[in-house]
């Protein structure tokens, strides 16, 4: 019964989100453990990556609304979160600040959410609160369809190590993604 209730709640959210969305993005990208700084964001964005399961594999949807100030909701899945035996579902609700320019829209985003992991990995962190921050650019060259580039950081506090005496730490994850954006 709990699963039916969760499914109905999730369907209700997905039914309501497109009603007020001004754009929807389908995206894919990579995630790496590390901190987001201007230097490593540029280095990560310019490196050549292969389809290695340890470096590739976050997929999802982003629903955005607003002009200069707005909001954004992200639901993503990664079959190889931090290491190949751990899967994660990521949800974020963010404040979105973007330039209200018709063709090219740079933006910044910050928000809260959660990372929900599972797997047979000794590094499985369970269900954790997360802070999401980053930015990117939306390019809409002709009409309502375009491309979107993102660089995001996730700070996941209170992650415990595998040893019983390990201290709680903040896990930082860097995400670089590209997607197709559909504007309304």
Protein backbone atom coordinates (compact mmCIF):
# COMPACT_ATOMS: atom_id res chain seq x y z
CA UNK A 1 0.00 0.00 0.00
CA UNK A 2 2.90 2.35 0.74
CA UNK A 3 4.28 1.85 -2.77
CA UNK A 4 0.89 2.65 -4.33
CA UNK A 5 0.70 5.84 -2.27
CA UNK A 6 4.22 6.89 -3.30
CA UNK A 7 3.44 6.15 -6.95
CA UNK A 8 0.25 8.23 -6.84
CA UNK A 9 2.09 11.13 -5.16
CA UNK A 10 4.82 11.02 -7.81
CA UNK A 11 2.24 10.93 -10.64
CA UNK A 12 0.44 13.90 -9.08
CA UNK A 13 3.70 15.90 -9.04
CA UNK A 14 4.48 14.98 -12.66
CA UNK A 15 0.98 15.92 -13.75
CA UNK A 16 1.17 19.32 -12.05
CA UNK A 17 4.71 20.34 -13.08
CA UNK A 18 4.11 20.72 -16.85
CA UNK A 19 1.06 22.90 -16.16
CA UNK A 20 3.29 25.76 -14.99
CA UNK A 21 6.61 24.92 -16.68
CA UNK A 22 8.08 27.44 -19.13
CA UNK A 23 10.68 24.93 -20.31
CA UNK A 24 11.42 21.23 -20.01
CA UNK A 25 14.90 19.76 -20.49
CA UNK A 26 15.84 16.14 -21.15
CA UNK A 27 19.50 15.79 -20.17
CA UNK A 28 22.38 13.38 -19.81
CA UNK A 29 25.81 13.86 -18.36
CA UNK A 30 28.62 12.74 -16.12
CA UNK A 31 29.25 12.93 -12.38
CA UNK A 32 32.54 12.91 -10.55
CA UNK A 33 33.36 13.08 -6.88
CA UNK A 34 35.03 16.43 -6.13
CA UNK A 35 34.44 20.09 -5.44
CA UNK A 36 33.03 22.61 -7.89
CA UNK A 37 35.45 25.47 -8.51
CA UNK A 38 35.78 27.64 -11.57
CA UNK A 39 39.06 25.92 -12.50
CA UNK A 40 37.88 22.30 -12.25
CA UNK A 41 34.53 23.12 -13.90
CA UNK A 42 36.38 24.34 -17.00
CA UNK A 43 38.78 21.37 -16.90
CA UNK A 44 35.96 18.84 -16.47
CA UNK A 45 33.89 20.44 -19.23
CA UNK A 46 36.80 20.31 -21.71
CA UNK A 47 38.08 16.78 -21.00
CA UNK A 48 37.27 13.93 -23.36
CA UNK A 49 35.24 11.26 -21.61
CA UNK A 50 34.50 7.76 -22.81
CA UNK A 51 31.38 5.76 -22.07
CA UNK A 52 33.01 4.21 -19.00
CA UNK A 53 30.33 3.24 -16.44
CA UNK A 54 32.35 4.92 -13.68
CA UNK A 55 32.33 8.33 -15.40
CA UNK A 56 29.17 8.42 -17.49
CA UNK A 57 25.57 8.05 -16.66
CA UNK A 58 23.26 10.62 -15.15
CA UNK A 59 19.96 11.08 -17.01
CA UNK A 60 16.88 13.07 -16.18
CA UNK A 61 14.36 15.87 -16.61
CA UNK A 62 14.42 19.52 -15.56
CA UNK A 63 11.24 21.60 -15.37
CA UNK A 64 11.82 25.37 -15.24
CA UNK A 65 9.54 28.37 -14.85
CA UNK A 66 9.93 32.13 -14.59
CA UNK A 67 11.71 34.86 -16.53
CA UNK A 68 14.48 36.66 -14.58
CA UNK A 69 13.69 34.90 -11.28
CA UNK A 70 12.06 31.52 -11.26
CA UNK A 71 12.32 27.96 -10.13
CA UNK A 72 13.52 24.66 -11.41
CA UNK A 73 12.87 21.05 -10.45
CA UNK A 74 15.20 18.19 -11.38
CA UNK A 75 14.56 14.48 -11.27
CA UNK A 76 17.56 12.36 -12.32
CA UNK A 77 18.79 8.78 -12.20
CA UNK A 78 22.36 7.57 -12.20
CA UNK A 79 23.09 3.84 -12.45
CA UNK A 80 26.73 4.39 -11.33
CA UNK A 81 26.75 6.99 -8.57
CA UNK A 82 30.33 7.50 -7.31
CA UNK A 83 31.13 3.86 -8.12
CA UNK A 84 29.69 1.24 -10.44
CA UNK A 85 27.75 -0.79 -7.84
CA UNK A 86 25.68 2.09 -6.44
CA UNK A 87 22.55 3.56 -8.05
CA UNK A 88 20.96 6.91 -7.15
CA UNK A 89 17.82 8.92 -7.74
CA UNK A 90 18.35 12.67 -7.36
CA UNK A 91 15.63 15.27 -6.79
CA UNK A 92 16.20 19.03 -6.46
CA UNK A 93 14.07 22.16 -6.25
CA UNK A 94 16.13 25.22 -7.10
CA UNK A 95 15.94 28.99 -7.32
CA UNK A 96 16.74 29.93 -10.94
CA UNK A 97 18.14 33.32 -11.95
CA UNK A 98 18.48 33.75 -15.72
CA UNK A 99 19.01 36.52 -18.22
CA UNK A 100 15.68 37.18 -20.01
CA UNK A 101 17.31 37.18 -23.46
CA UNK A 102 15.40 35.47 -26.30
CA UNK A 103 18.12 33.29 -27.94
CA UNK A 104 20.91 32.72 -25.37
CA UNK A 105 20.07 32.56 -21.66
CA UNK A 106 22.90 32.24 -19.13
CA UNK A 107 21.66 31.25 -15.68
CA UNK A 108 22.66 30.37 -12.13
CA UNK A 109 20.83 28.03 -9.81
CA UNK A 110 20.92 27.02 -6.14
CA UNK A 111 18.57 24.81 -4.20
CA UNK A 112 17.84 21.89 -1.94
CA UNK A 113 16.95 18.29 -2.57
CA UNK A 114 17.85 14.73 -1.87
CA UNK A 115 20.01 11.88 -3.09
CA UNK A 116 18.53 8.42 -2.63
CA UNK A 117 21.04 5.60 -3.17
CA UNK A 118 20.90 1.82 -3.24
CA UNK A 119 23.19 -1.00 -4.24
CA UNK A 120 25.56 -3.61 -2.94
CA UNK A 121 28.40 -1.13 -2.52
CA UNK A 122 30.17 -0.63 0.82
CA UNK A 123 30.00 3.10 -0.01
CA UNK A 124 26.17 3.19 -0.14
CA UNK A 125 25.22 6.45 1.60
CA UNK A 126 21.47 5.80 1.87
CA UNK A 127 18.98 8.66 1.63
CA UNK A 128 20.61 12.05 2.16
CA UNK A 129 19.74 15.73 2.06
CA UNK A 130 21.72 17.64 -0.62
CA UNK A 131 22.49 21.22 -1.64
CA UNK A 132 22.68 21.83 -5.41
CA UNK A 133 24.45 24.83 -6.99
CA UNK A 134 25.77 25.74 -10.41
CA UNK A 135 24.90 27.34 -13.68
CA UNK A 136 24.86 27.03 -17.41
CA UNK A 137 23.46 28.34 -20.62
CA UNK A 138 20.32 27.69 -22.67
CA UNK A 139 20.61 28.26 -26.42
CA UNK A 140 17.34 28.55 -28.36
CA UNK A 141 18.49 29.42 -31.93
CA UNK A 142 15.18 29.06 -33.78
CA UNK A 143 11.83 28.43 -32.22
CA UNK A 144 11.05 26.57 -29.02
CA UNK A 145 13.72 23.83 -29.24
CA UNK A 146 17.33 24.31 -28.21
CA UNK A 147 20.28 22.94 -26.29
CA UNK A 148 21.33 23.40 -22.68
CA UNK A 149 24.74 23.06 -21.01
CA UNK A 150 25.04 22.68 -17.20
CA UNK A 151 27.79 22.50 -14.61
CA UNK A 152 26.47 21.65 -11.14
CA UNK A 153 27.82 20.83 -7.76
CA UNK A 154 26.13 18.75 -5.08
CA UNK A 155 27.11 19.01 -1.41
CA UNK A 156 25.82 16.02 0.54
CA UNK A 157 26.46 16.54 4.28
CA UNK A 158 26.74 13.85 6.97
CA UNK A 159 28.13 11.07 4.80
CA UNK A 160 29.78 8.45 7.00
CA UNK A 161 32.84 6.43 6.02
CA UNK A 162 32.89 2.66 5.96
CA UNK A 163 34.94 2.21 9.18
CA UNK A 164 32.99 2.32 12.46
CA UNK A 165 35.23 5.12 13.72
CA UNK A 166 34.97 7.16 10.51
CA UNK A 167 33.81 10.72 10.97
CA UNK A 168 30.89 12.30 9.16
CA UNK A 169 31.95 14.31 6.11
CA UNK A 170 30.42 16.33 3.31
CA UNK A 171 30.52 14.50 -0.02
CA UNK A 172 30.94 16.84 -2.99
CA UNK A 173 29.89 15.70 -6.46
CA UNK A 174 30.49 17.57 -9.72
CA UNK A 175 28.02 17.10 -12.59
CA UNK A 176 28.45 18.25 -16.19
CA UNK A 177 25.47 17.70 -18.50
CA UNK A 178 24.00 18.60 -21.85
CA UNK A 179 20.37 18.40 -22.84
CA UNK A 180 17.59 19.26 -25.25
CA UNK A 181 15.43 22.12 -23.97
CA UNK A 182 11.82 22.65 -25.06
CA UNK A 183 10.47 26.15 -24.31
CA UNK A 184 6.77 27.05 -24.03
